[in-house]
Amino acid sequence: MNIDNVYIALLHHPVYNKRGDIVTTAVTNMDIHDISRAARSYGVKCFYIVTPIEKQHQFVKRIIRHWQRGYGVAYNPSRKKAFDIVDIKSSLEDVVEDISGKSGRSVHLVTTSATSRGCLTTYEDLKKVITEDRENYLLVFGTGWGIAEEVIKGADFLLEPIRGSTDYNHLSVRSAVSISLDRLFGRR
């Protein structure tokens, strides 16, 4: 399946902390590695890391540089392919502007949440919309304790939560991204 109209954003701001305050979370090396590999495996056009903190931009760029031009290229050439689709932006608005500027098409925001609320879109329905429409779709995954309500309210779609076979529902964002991509674009 060709999904050259699908993008991922890992949102580090605005997100909630445990107390419900809006905060900026730290970028982690593991998230960059695992999400870029999942995104590349499922054909995502670009994986954006979103943080307003300049030191975090430097951190991400240093990791990307290692795997694209440094020792990492020789050590693990397939990792370079995963890092080829990684970019970093300061805000979600910058991501949307980048996508629409490069593609000339509008961007539909798809937010995710571990909790059920409002009008939810099923994976099946979203897959159908994405494959039948040539507009761009940006899947937004939150860090910390979830995406700020202002972002969710501004989205075109709120994807249904991932539910396991028990009441325990505390997946890592890396797991949530992988499961979501497989439900939307995995071969059956």
N, C-alpha and C. Protein backbone atom coordinates (compact mmCIF):
# COMPACT_ATOMS: atom_id res chain seq x y z
N MET A 1 0.84 -1.18 0.00
CA MET A 1 0.00 0.00 0.00
C MET A 1 0.89 1.24 0.00
N ASN A 2 0.59 2.17 -0.88
CA ASN A 2 1.34 3.41 -0.96
C ASN A 2 0.68 4.45 -0.05
N ILE A 3 1.39 4.90 0.95
CA ILE A 3 0.82 5.88 1.88
C ILE A 3 1.68 7.14 1.91
N ASP A 4 2.00 7.66 0.75
CA ASP A 4 2.87 8.83 0.70
C ASP A 4 2.19 10.12 1.13
N ASN A 5 0.99 10.00 1.68
CA ASN A 5 0.29 11.17 2.20
C ASN A 5 0.13 11.10 3.72
N VAL A 6 0.91 10.24 4.37
CA VAL A 6 0.81 10.06 5.83
C VAL A 6 2.12 10.47 6.51
N TYR A 7 1.96 11.25 7.56
CA TYR A 7 3.07 11.76 8.34
C TYR A 7 2.79 11.48 9.82
N ILE A 8 3.85 11.47 10.62
CA ILE A 8 3.71 11.29 12.07
C ILE A 8 4.38 12.47 12.77
N ALA A 9 3.76 12.92 13.84
CA ALA A 9 4.39 13.91 14.72
C ALA A 9 4.39 13.37 16.14
N LEU A 10 5.55 13.41 16.77
CA LEU A 10 5.66 13.08 18.18
C LEU A 10 5.72 14.40 18.94
N LEU A 11 4.64 14.71 19.62
CA LEU A 11 4.45 16.02 20.23
C LEU A 11 5.01 16.06 21.66
N HIS A 12 5.96 16.96 21.88
CA HIS A 12 6.54 17.18 23.20
C HIS A 12 6.01 18.45 23.86
N HIS A 13 5.26 19.24 23.09
CA HIS A 13 4.62 20.45 23.60
C HIS A 13 3.54 20.89 22.63
N PRO A 14 2.36 21.21 23.08
CA PRO A 14 1.87 21.20 24.45
C PRO A 14 1.29 19.84 24.84
N VAL A 15 1.79 19.31 25.94
CA VAL A 15 1.30 18.05 26.49
C VAL A 15 1.11 18.23 28.00
N TYR A 16 0.42 17.27 28.60
CA TYR A 16 0.15 17.34 30.04
C TYR A 16 1.19 16.56 30.84
N ASN A 17 1.40 17.02 32.08
CA ASN A 17 2.14 16.21 33.04
C ASN A 17 1.14 15.48 33.92
N LYS A 18 1.63 14.77 34.91
CA LYS A 18 0.79 13.96 35.79
C LYS A 18 -0.29 14.77 36.51
N ARG A 19 0.01 16.04 36.81
CA ARG A 19 -0.94 16.90 37.53
C ARG A 19 -1.93 17.61 36.60
N GLY A 20 -1.76 17.43 35.29
CA GLY A 20 -2.64 18.10 34.34
C GLY A 20 -2.16 19.46 33.89
N ASP A 21 -0.92 19.82 34.24
CA ASP A 21 -0.34 21.08 33.77
C ASP A 21 0.18 20.91 32.35
N ILE A 22 0.13 21.96 31.56
CA ILE A 22 0.73 21.90 30.22
C ILE A 22 2.23 22.11 30.37
N VAL A 23 2.99 21.18 29.80
CA VAL A 23 4.45 21.19 29.93
C VAL A 23 5.09 20.85 28.59
N THR A 24 6.42 20.88 28.61
CA THR A 24 7.23 20.39 27.50
C THR A 24 8.02 19.21 28.03
N THR A 25 7.91 18.06 27.37
CA THR A 25 8.63 16.87 27.80
C THR A 25 9.95 16.74 27.04
N ALA A 26 10.85 15.93 27.57
CA ALA A 26 12.15 15.72 26.96
C ALA A 26 12.07 14.69 25.83
N VAL A 27 12.84 14.94 24.80
CA VAL A 27 12.98 13.98 23.70
C VAL A 27 13.86 12.84 24.20
N THR A 28 13.51 11.60 23.85
CA THR A 28 14.35 10.47 24.24
C THR A 28 14.94 9.79 23.01
N ASN A 29 16.16 9.33 23.17
CA ASN A 29 16.87 8.63 22.10
C ASN A 29 16.07 7.42 21.62
N MET A 30 15.51 6.67 22.56
CA MET A 30 14.76 5.47 22.22
C MET A 30 13.55 5.78 21.34
N ASP A 31 12.84 6.86 21.64
CA ASP A 31 11.69 7.24 20.82
C ASP A 31 12.12 7.52 19.38
N ILE A 32 13.22 8.24 19.23
CA ILE A 32 13.69 8.57 17.88
C ILE A 32 13.99 7.29 17.11
N HIS A 33 14.73 6.39 17.71
CA HIS A 33 15.11 5.14 17.05
C HIS A 33 13.89 4.29 16.72
N ASP A 34 13.09 3.99 17.71
CA ASP A 34 11.98 3.05 17.51
C ASP A 34 10.89 3.59 16.61
N ILE A 35 10.53 4.85 16.77
CA ILE A 35 9.46 5.40 15.94
C ILE A 35 9.92 5.60 14.51
N SER A 36 11.16 6.02 14.31
CA SER A 36 11.65 6.18 12.93
C SER A 36 11.67 4.83 12.21
N ARG A 37 12.05 3.78 12.91
CA ARG A 37 12.07 2.44 12.30
C ARG A 37 10.67 1.97 11.96
N ALA A 38 9.72 2.18 12.87
CA ALA A 38 8.33 1.79 12.60
C ALA A 38 7.77 2.61 11.45
N ALA A 39 8.01 3.91 11.47
CA ALA A 39 7.50 4.79 10.41
C ALA A 39 8.05 4.37 9.05
N ARG A 40 9.33 4.09 8.99
CA ARG A 40 9.95 3.67 7.72
C ARG A 40 9.39 2.32 7.28
N SER A 41 9.19 1.41 8.20
CA SER A 41 8.67 0.08 7.88
C SER A 41 7.27 0.13 7.27
N TYR A 42 6.47 1.11 7.70
CA TYR A 42 5.09 1.21 7.21
C TYR A 42 4.91 2.27 6.12
N GLY A 43 6.00 2.86 5.67
CA GLY A 43 5.93 3.77 4.53
C GLY A 43 5.50 5.19 4.84
N VAL A 44 5.63 5.61 6.09
CA VAL A 44 5.28 6.99 6.46
C VAL A 44 6.24 7.94 5.74
N LYS A 45 5.71 9.04 5.26
CA LYS A 45 6.51 10.01 4.49
C LYS A 45 7.56 10.71 5.34
N CYS A 46 7.18 11.15 6.53
CA CYS A 46 8.12 11.84 7.42
C CYS A 46 7.68 11.67 8.87
N PHE A 47 8.65 11.53 9.75
CA PHE A 47 8.42 11.47 11.19
C PHE A 47 8.99 12.75 11.80
N TYR A 48 8.09 13.59 12.30
CA TYR A 48 8.48 14.86 12.91
C TYR A 48 8.53 14.74 14.43
N ILE A 49 9.59 15.27 15.00
CA ILE A 49 9.70 15.42 16.44
C ILE A 49 9.41 16.89 16.72
N VAL A 50 8.48 17.16 17.63
CA VAL A 50 8.03 18.53 17.86
C VAL A 50 8.37 18.97 19.28
N THR A 51 9.29 19.94 19.38
CA THR A 51 9.66 20.53 20.66
C THR A 51 10.13 21.96 20.44
N PRO A 52 9.75 22.88 21.31
CA PRO A 52 10.20 24.26 21.16
C PRO A 52 11.59 24.52 21.77
N ILE A 53 12.17 23.53 22.40
CA ILE A 53 13.43 23.73 23.13
C ILE A 53 14.63 23.52 22.20
N GLU A 54 15.43 24.57 22.03
CA GLU A 54 16.56 24.54 21.10
C GLU A 54 17.59 23.47 21.48
N LYS A 55 17.86 23.29 22.76
CA LYS A 55 18.82 22.25 23.19
C LYS A 55 18.35 20.86 22.77
N GLN A 56 17.04 20.65 22.77
CA GLN A 56 16.49 19.37 22.32
C GLN A 56 16.66 19.23 20.80
N HIS A 57 16.55 20.33 20.07
CA HIS A 57 16.81 20.30 18.62
C HIS A 57 18.26 19.86 18.37
N GLN A 58 19.18 20.43 19.13
CA GLN A 58 20.59 20.08 18.98
C GLN A 58 20.82 18.60 19.28
N PHE A 59 20.18 18.11 20.33
CA PHE A 59 20.28 16.70 20.71
C PHE A 59 19.80 15.80 19.58
N VAL A 60 18.62 16.09 19.03
CA VAL A 60 18.05 15.28 17.95
C VAL A 60 18.93 15.35 16.71
N LYS A 61 19.38 16.53 16.36
CA LYS A 61 20.23 16.68 15.17
C LYS A 61 21.54 15.91 15.31
N ARG A 62 22.10 15.89 16.53
CA ARG A 62 23.34 15.14 16.76
C ARG A 62 23.10 13.64 16.56
N ILE A 63 21.98 13.14 17.04
CA ILE A 63 21.66 11.72 16.86
C ILE A 63 21.44 11.40 15.38
N ILE A 64 20.68 12.23 14.70
CA ILE A 64 20.43 12.02 13.27
C ILE A 64 21.75 12.05 12.50
N ARG A 65 22.59 13.02 12.79
CA ARG A 65 23.88 13.15 12.10
C ARG A 65 24.73 11.88 12.29
N HIS A 66 24.72 11.33 13.49
CA HIS A 66 25.49 10.11 13.76
C HIS A 66 25.06 8.97 12.84
N TRP A 67 23.74 8.82 12.64
CA TRP A 67 23.23 7.70 11.85
C TRP A 67 23.17 8.00 10.35
N GLN A 68 23.28 9.26 9.96
CA GLN A 68 23.24 9.59 8.54
C GLN A 68 24.62 9.88 7.95
N ARG A 69 25.54 10.41 8.78
CA ARG A 69 26.85 10.77 8.25
C ARG A 69 28.01 10.30 9.12
N GLY A 70 27.73 9.87 10.32
CA GLY A 70 28.79 9.48 11.24
C GLY A 70 29.06 7.98 11.21
N TYR A 71 29.63 7.50 12.29
CA TYR A 71 29.99 6.09 12.42
C TYR A 71 28.78 5.17 12.24
N GLY A 72 27.61 5.64 12.60
CA GLY A 72 26.40 4.82 12.52
C GLY A 72 26.07 4.32 11.13
N VAL A 73 26.48 5.07 10.10
CA VAL A 73 26.20 4.66 8.71
C VAL A 73 26.87 3.32 8.41
N ALA A 74 28.14 3.19 8.78
CA ALA A 74 28.86 1.94 8.53
C ALA A 74 28.42 0.85 9.50
N TYR A 75 28.14 1.23 10.73
CA TYR A 75 27.77 0.27 11.75
C TYR A 75 26.42 -0.38 11.47
N ASN A 76 25.44 0.39 11.01
CA ASN A 76 24.10 -0.13 10.76
C ASN A 76 23.45 0.66 9.62
N PRO A 77 23.74 0.26 8.36
CA PRO A 77 23.23 1.01 7.21
C PRO A 77 21.70 1.09 7.15
N SER A 78 21.00 0.09 7.65
CA SER A 78 19.54 0.14 7.59
C SER A 78 18.98 1.20 8.54
N ARG A 79 19.71 1.52 9.59
CA ARG A 79 19.26 2.57 10.50
C ARG A 79 19.29 3.93 9.80
N LYS A 80 20.26 4.12 8.89
CA LYS A 80 20.31 5.36 8.12
C LYS A 80 19.01 5.57 7.36
N LYS A 81 18.48 4.51 6.77
CA LYS A 81 17.22 4.61 6.02
C LYS A 81 16.08 5.08 6.93
N ALA A 82 16.06 4.59 8.14
CA ALA A 82 15.01 5.01 9.08
C ALA A 82 15.18 6.48 9.44
N PHE A 83 16.42 6.91 9.63
CA PHE A 83 16.66 8.30 10.03
C PHE A 83 16.52 9.28 8.87
N ASP A 84 16.50 8.79 7.65
CA ASP A 84 16.29 9.67 6.48
C ASP A 84 14.94 10.37 6.52
N ILE A 85 13.96 9.82 7.23
CA ILE A 85 12.62 10.42 7.25
C ILE A 85 12.34 11.23 8.52
N VAL A 86 13.36 11.43 9.36
CA VAL A 86 13.17 12.15 10.62
C VAL A 86 13.46 13.64 10.43
N ASP A 87 12.60 14.47 11.01
CA ASP A 87 12.80 15.92 11.00
C ASP A 87 12.38 16.46 12.36
N ILE A 88 12.82 17.64 12.69
CA ILE A 88 12.44 18.25 13.97
C ILE A 88 11.91 19.65 13.71
N LYS A 89 10.83 19.98 14.40
CA LYS A 89 10.20 21.30 14.28
C LYS A 89 9.88 21.82 15.67
N SER A 90 9.69 23.14 15.76
CA SER A 90 9.42 23.78 17.04
C SER A 90 7.97 23.73 17.47
N SER A 91 7.05 23.58 16.50
CA SER A 91 5.63 23.57 16.84
C SER A 91 4.86 22.71 15.84
N LEU A 92 3.67 22.34 16.23
CA LEU A 92 2.79 21.59 15.33
C LEU A 92 2.44 22.43 14.11
N GLU A 93 2.28 23.73 14.31
CA GLU A 93 2.01 24.63 13.19
C GLU A 93 3.15 24.61 12.18
N ASP A 94 4.40 24.54 12.66
CA ASP A 94 5.55 24.45 11.76
C ASP A 94 5.52 23.16 10.95
N VAL A 95 5.08 22.08 11.57
CA VAL A 95 4.97 20.80 10.87
C VAL A 95 3.94 20.90 9.75
N VAL A 96 2.77 21.41 10.08
CA VAL A 96 1.69 21.54 9.08
C VAL A 96 2.15 22.42 7.92
N GLU A 97 2.81 23.51 8.24
CA GLU A 97 3.32 24.42 7.21
C GLU A 97 4.35 23.71 6.33
N ASP A 98 5.22 22.92 6.93
CA ASP A 98 6.25 22.19 6.18
C ASP A 98 5.61 21.19 5.22
N ILE A 99 4.65 20.44 5.70
CA ILE A 99 3.99 19.42 4.87
C ILE A 99 3.22 20.08 3.73
N SER A 100 2.41 21.06 4.03
CA SER A 100 1.60 21.70 2.98
C SER A 100 2.48 22.46 2.00
N GLY A 101 3.56 23.06 2.49
CA GLY A 101 4.49 23.77 1.62
C GLY A 101 5.19 22.86 0.63
N LYS A 102 5.60 21.69 1.08
CA LYS A 102 6.30 20.74 0.21
C LYS A 102 5.36 20.01 -0.73
N SER A 103 4.13 19.75 -0.28
CA SER A 103 3.21 18.93 -1.08
C SER A 103 2.21 19.74 -1.89
N GLY A 104 1.94 20.96 -1.45
CA GLY A 104 0.93 21.76 -2.12
C GLY A 104 -0.50 21.32 -1.81
N ARG A 105 -0.62 20.48 -0.79
CA ARG A 105 -1.96 19.98 -0.39
C ARG A 105 -2.20 20.28 1.08
N SER A 106 -3.46 20.33 1.45
CA SER A 106 -3.80 20.60 2.85
C SER A 106 -3.44 19.41 3.74
N VAL A 107 -3.46 19.66 5.04
CA VAL A 107 -3.09 18.65 6.02
C VAL A 107 -4.25 18.45 6.99
N HIS A 108 -4.66 17.20 7.16
CA HIS A 108 -5.69 16.84 8.14
C HIS A 108 -5.00 16.30 9.39
N LEU A 109 -5.31 16.89 10.54
CA LEU A 109 -4.73 16.45 11.81
C LEU A 109 -5.53 15.29 12.38
N VAL A 110 -4.82 14.24 12.76
CA VAL A 110 -5.41 13.08 13.43
C VAL A 110 -4.72 12.96 14.78
N THR A 111 -5.46 13.23 15.86
CA THR A 111 -4.86 13.13 17.19
C THR A 111 -5.18 11.77 17.80
N THR A 112 -4.38 11.42 18.78
CA THR A 112 -4.53 10.13 19.47
C THR A 112 -4.66 10.39 20.96
N SER A 113 -5.28 9.46 21.64
CA SER A 113 -5.45 9.57 23.09
C SER A 113 -5.67 8.18 23.68
N ALA A 114 -5.23 8.00 24.90
CA ALA A 114 -5.45 6.72 25.58
C ALA A 114 -6.83 6.66 26.23
N THR A 115 -7.55 7.78 26.22
CA THR A 115 -8.88 7.81 26.83
C THR A 115 -9.95 8.07 25.78
N SER A 116 -11.11 7.47 25.99
CA SER A 116 -12.25 7.68 25.09
C SER A 116 -12.95 8.98 25.44
N ARG A 117 -13.24 9.76 24.43
CA ARG A 117 -14.01 11.00 24.63
C ARG A 117 -14.42 11.54 23.27
N GLY A 118 -15.50 12.26 23.25
CA GLY A 118 -15.94 12.91 22.03
C GLY A 118 -16.26 11.95 20.91
N CYS A 119 -16.20 12.46 19.72
CA CYS A 119 -16.49 11.68 18.51
C CYS A 119 -15.20 11.01 18.04
N LEU A 120 -15.14 9.71 18.17
CA LEU A 120 -13.94 8.95 17.84
C LEU A 120 -14.01 8.38 16.44
N THR A 121 -12.86 8.30 15.79
CA THR A 121 -12.75 7.67 14.47
C THR A 121 -12.10 6.31 14.66
N THR A 122 -12.66 5.28 14.04
CA THR A 122 -12.08 3.94 14.14
C THR A 122 -10.88 3.83 13.19
N TYR A 123 -10.04 2.86 13.47
CA TYR A 123 -8.90 2.62 12.58
C TYR A 123 -9.38 2.25 11.19
N GLU A 124 -10.41 1.44 11.12
CA GLU A 124 -10.96 1.02 9.83
C GLU A 124 -11.45 2.22 9.02
N ASP A 125 -12.19 3.11 9.66
CA ASP A 125 -12.70 4.30 8.95
C ASP A 125 -11.57 5.22 8.52
N LEU A 126 -10.57 5.42 9.38
CA LEU A 126 -9.46 6.30 9.03
C LEU A 126 -8.65 5.71 7.88
N LYS A 127 -8.43 4.41 7.91
CA LYS A 127 -7.70 3.76 6.82
C LYS A 127 -8.40 3.99 5.49
N LYS A 128 -9.71 3.86 5.49
CA LYS A 128 -10.49 4.06 4.27
C LYS A 128 -10.34 5.50 3.77
N VAL A 129 -10.47 6.45 4.67
CA VAL A 129 -10.36 7.87 4.30
C VAL A 129 -8.97 8.16 3.72
N ILE A 130 -7.94 7.69 4.40
CA ILE A 130 -6.56 7.96 3.96
C ILE A 130 -6.29 7.36 2.59
N THR A 131 -6.72 6.14 2.37
CA THR A 131 -6.41 5.47 1.10
C THR A 131 -7.24 6.00 -0.06
N GLU A 132 -8.41 6.59 0.23
CA GLU A 132 -9.25 7.11 -0.85
C GLU A 132 -9.01 8.58 -1.13
N ASP A 133 -8.34 9.28 -0.24
CA ASP A 133 -8.15 10.72 -0.34
C ASP A 133 -6.68 11.01 -0.63
N ARG A 134 -6.41 12.01 -1.42
CA ARG A 134 -5.02 12.36 -1.72
C ARG A 134 -4.51 13.51 -0.86
N GLU A 135 -5.33 13.99 0.06
CA GLU A 135 -4.86 15.02 0.98
C GLU A 135 -3.86 14.39 1.96
N ASN A 136 -3.17 15.22 2.72
CA ASN A 136 -2.19 14.75 3.69
C ASN A 136 -2.84 14.49 5.04
N TYR A 137 -2.32 13.49 5.74
CA TYR A 137 -2.81 13.14 7.08
C TYR A 137 -1.62 13.10 8.03
N LEU A 138 -1.73 13.86 9.11
CA LEU A 138 -0.68 13.92 10.12
C LEU A 138 -1.20 13.26 11.39
N LEU A 139 -0.62 12.11 11.73
CA LEU A 139 -0.97 11.40 12.95
C LEU A 139 -0.14 11.98 14.09
N VAL A 140 -0.80 12.53 15.09
CA VAL A 140 -0.12 13.20 16.19
C VAL A 140 -0.19 12.33 17.44
N PHE A 141 0.98 11.97 17.95
CA PHE A 141 1.10 11.17 19.16
C PHE A 141 1.71 12.04 20.25
N GLY A 142 1.16 11.95 21.45
CA GLY A 142 1.63 12.78 22.55
C GLY A 142 2.58 12.06 23.47
N THR A 143 3.37 12.84 24.17
CA THR A 143 4.26 12.33 25.20
C THR A 143 3.70 12.76 26.55
N GLY A 144 4.43 12.49 27.62
CA GLY A 144 3.96 12.86 28.95
C GLY A 144 2.66 12.15 29.27
N TRP A 145 1.68 12.92 29.71
CA TRP A 145 0.37 12.36 30.07
C TRP A 145 -0.68 12.69 29.02
N GLY A 146 -0.22 12.96 27.80
CA GLY A 146 -1.15 13.14 26.69
C GLY A 146 -1.16 14.52 26.08
N ILE A 147 -1.73 14.59 24.92
CA ILE A 147 -1.82 15.81 24.11
C ILE A 147 -2.77 16.81 24.77
N ALA A 148 -2.37 18.07 24.78
CA ALA A 148 -3.21 19.13 25.35
C ALA A 148 -4.54 19.21 24.60
N GLU A 149 -5.58 19.51 25.36
CA GLU A 149 -6.94 19.57 24.82
C GLU A 149 -7.07 20.55 23.66
N GLU A 150 -6.32 21.64 23.70
CA GLU A 150 -6.39 22.63 22.61
C GLU A 150 -6.00 22.01 21.27
N VAL A 151 -5.06 21.08 21.28
CA VAL A 151 -4.64 20.41 20.05
C VAL A 151 -5.72 19.42 19.61
N ILE A 152 -6.24 18.66 20.55
CA ILE A 152 -7.28 17.67 20.23
C ILE A 152 -8.51 18.36 19.66
N LYS A 153 -8.90 19.47 20.25
CA LYS A 153 -10.08 20.20 19.76
C LYS A 153 -9.87 20.76 18.35
N GLY A 154 -8.63 21.06 18.00
CA GLY A 154 -8.33 21.61 16.68
C GLY A 154 -8.12 20.57 15.60
N ALA A 155 -8.20 19.29 15.98
CA ALA A 155 -7.93 18.21 15.02
C ALA A 155 -9.16 17.89 14.18
N ASP A 156 -8.90 17.29 13.03
CA ASP A 156 -9.98 16.84 12.14
C ASP A 156 -10.53 15.49 12.58
N PHE A 157 -9.67 14.68 13.20
CA PHE A 157 -10.06 13.34 13.65
C PHE A 157 -9.43 13.07 15.01
N LEU A 158 -10.15 12.35 15.85
CA LEU A 158 -9.60 11.81 17.10
C LEU A 158 -9.70 10.30 16.98
N LEU A 159 -8.56 9.66 16.88
CA LEU A 159 -8.51 8.22 16.68
C LEU A 159 -8.90 7.49 17.96
N GLU A 160 -9.64 6.40 17.80
CA GLU A 160 -10.06 5.63 18.97
C GLU A 160 -8.84 5.13 19.75
N PRO A 161 -8.96 5.02 21.08
CA PRO A 161 -7.84 4.52 21.88
C PRO A 161 -7.53 3.06 21.56
N ILE A 162 -6.29 2.70 21.78
CA ILE A 162 -5.88 1.30 21.66
C ILE A 162 -6.32 0.60 22.94
N ARG A 163 -7.00 -0.50 22.79
CA ARG A 163 -7.47 -1.26 23.95
C ARG A 163 -6.88 -2.67 23.89
N GLY A 164 -6.27 -3.07 24.97
CA GLY A 164 -5.78 -4.43 25.07
C GLY A 164 -6.86 -5.34 25.61
N SER A 165 -6.46 -6.48 26.11
CA SER A 165 -7.44 -7.45 26.61
C SER A 165 -7.72 -7.28 28.11
N THR A 166 -7.06 -6.29 28.75
CA THR A 166 -7.29 -6.03 30.17
C THR A 166 -7.63 -4.55 30.36
N ASP A 167 -7.88 -4.15 31.59
CA ASP A 167 -8.16 -2.74 31.89
C ASP A 167 -6.90 -1.89 31.96
N TYR A 168 -5.74 -2.53 32.01
CA TYR A 168 -4.47 -1.79 32.07
C TYR A 168 -4.26 -1.10 30.72
N ASN A 169 -4.05 0.21 30.73
CA ASN A 169 -3.94 0.95 29.48
C ASN A 169 -2.86 2.02 29.59
N HIS A 170 -1.61 1.60 29.68
CA HIS A 170 -0.50 2.53 29.82
C HIS A 170 0.64 2.13 28.88
N LEU A 171 0.36 2.19 27.58
CA LEU A 171 1.37 1.85 26.58
C LEU A 171 2.40 2.97 26.46
N SER A 172 3.61 2.60 26.12
CA SER A 172 4.60 3.62 25.76
C SER A 172 4.17 4.23 24.43
N VAL A 173 4.63 5.43 24.16
CA VAL A 173 4.26 6.07 22.89
C VAL A 173 4.84 5.27 21.72
N ARG A 174 5.99 4.64 21.92
CA ARG A 174 6.58 3.82 20.85
C ARG A 174 5.67 2.65 20.51
N SER A 175 5.12 2.01 21.53
CA SER A 175 4.19 0.90 21.30
C SER A 175 2.92 1.40 20.62
N ALA A 176 2.40 2.53 21.07
CA ALA A 176 1.17 3.07 20.49
C ALA A 176 1.35 3.42 19.02
N VAL A 177 2.48 4.00 18.67
CA VAL A 177 2.76 4.32 17.26
C VAL A 177 2.80 3.04 16.44
N SER A 178 3.53 2.05 16.91
CA SER A 178 3.66 0.79 16.16
C SER A 178 2.33 0.09 15.98
N ILE A 179 1.55 0.01 17.04
CA ILE A 179 0.24 -0.64 16.95
C ILE A 179 -0.66 0.13 15.99
N SER A 180 -0.67 1.44 16.11
CA SER A 180 -1.52 2.27 15.23
C SER A 180 -1.13 2.10 13.77
N LEU A 181 0.16 2.14 13.48
CA LEU A 181 0.60 1.97 12.09
C LEU A 181 0.22 0.60 11.56
N ASP A 182 0.35 -0.42 12.39
CA ASP A 182 -0.01 -1.76 11.93
C ASP A 182 -1.51 -1.87 11.69
N ARG A 183 -2.31 -1.31 12.57
CA ARG A 183 -3.77 -1.37 12.38
C ARG A 183 -4.19 -0.61 11.12
N LEU A 184 -3.50 0.47 10.82
CA LEU A 184 -3.87 1.27 9.65
C LEU A 184 -3.29 0.74 8.35
N PHE A 185 -2.05 0.26 8.38
CA PHE A 185 -1.35 -0.03 7.13
C PHE A 185 -0.70 -1.41 7.06
N GLY A 186 -0.88 -2.23 8.09
CA GLY A 186 -0.28 -3.56 8.08
C GLY A 186 -0.92 -4.47 7.05
N ARG A 187 -0.14 -5.37 6.53
CA ARG A 187 -0.66 -6.35 5.57
C ARG A 187 -1.38 -7.45 6.32
N ARG A 188 -2.49 -7.87 5.77
CA ARG A 188 -3.26 -8.94 6.40
C ARG A 188 -3.39 -10.10 5.44
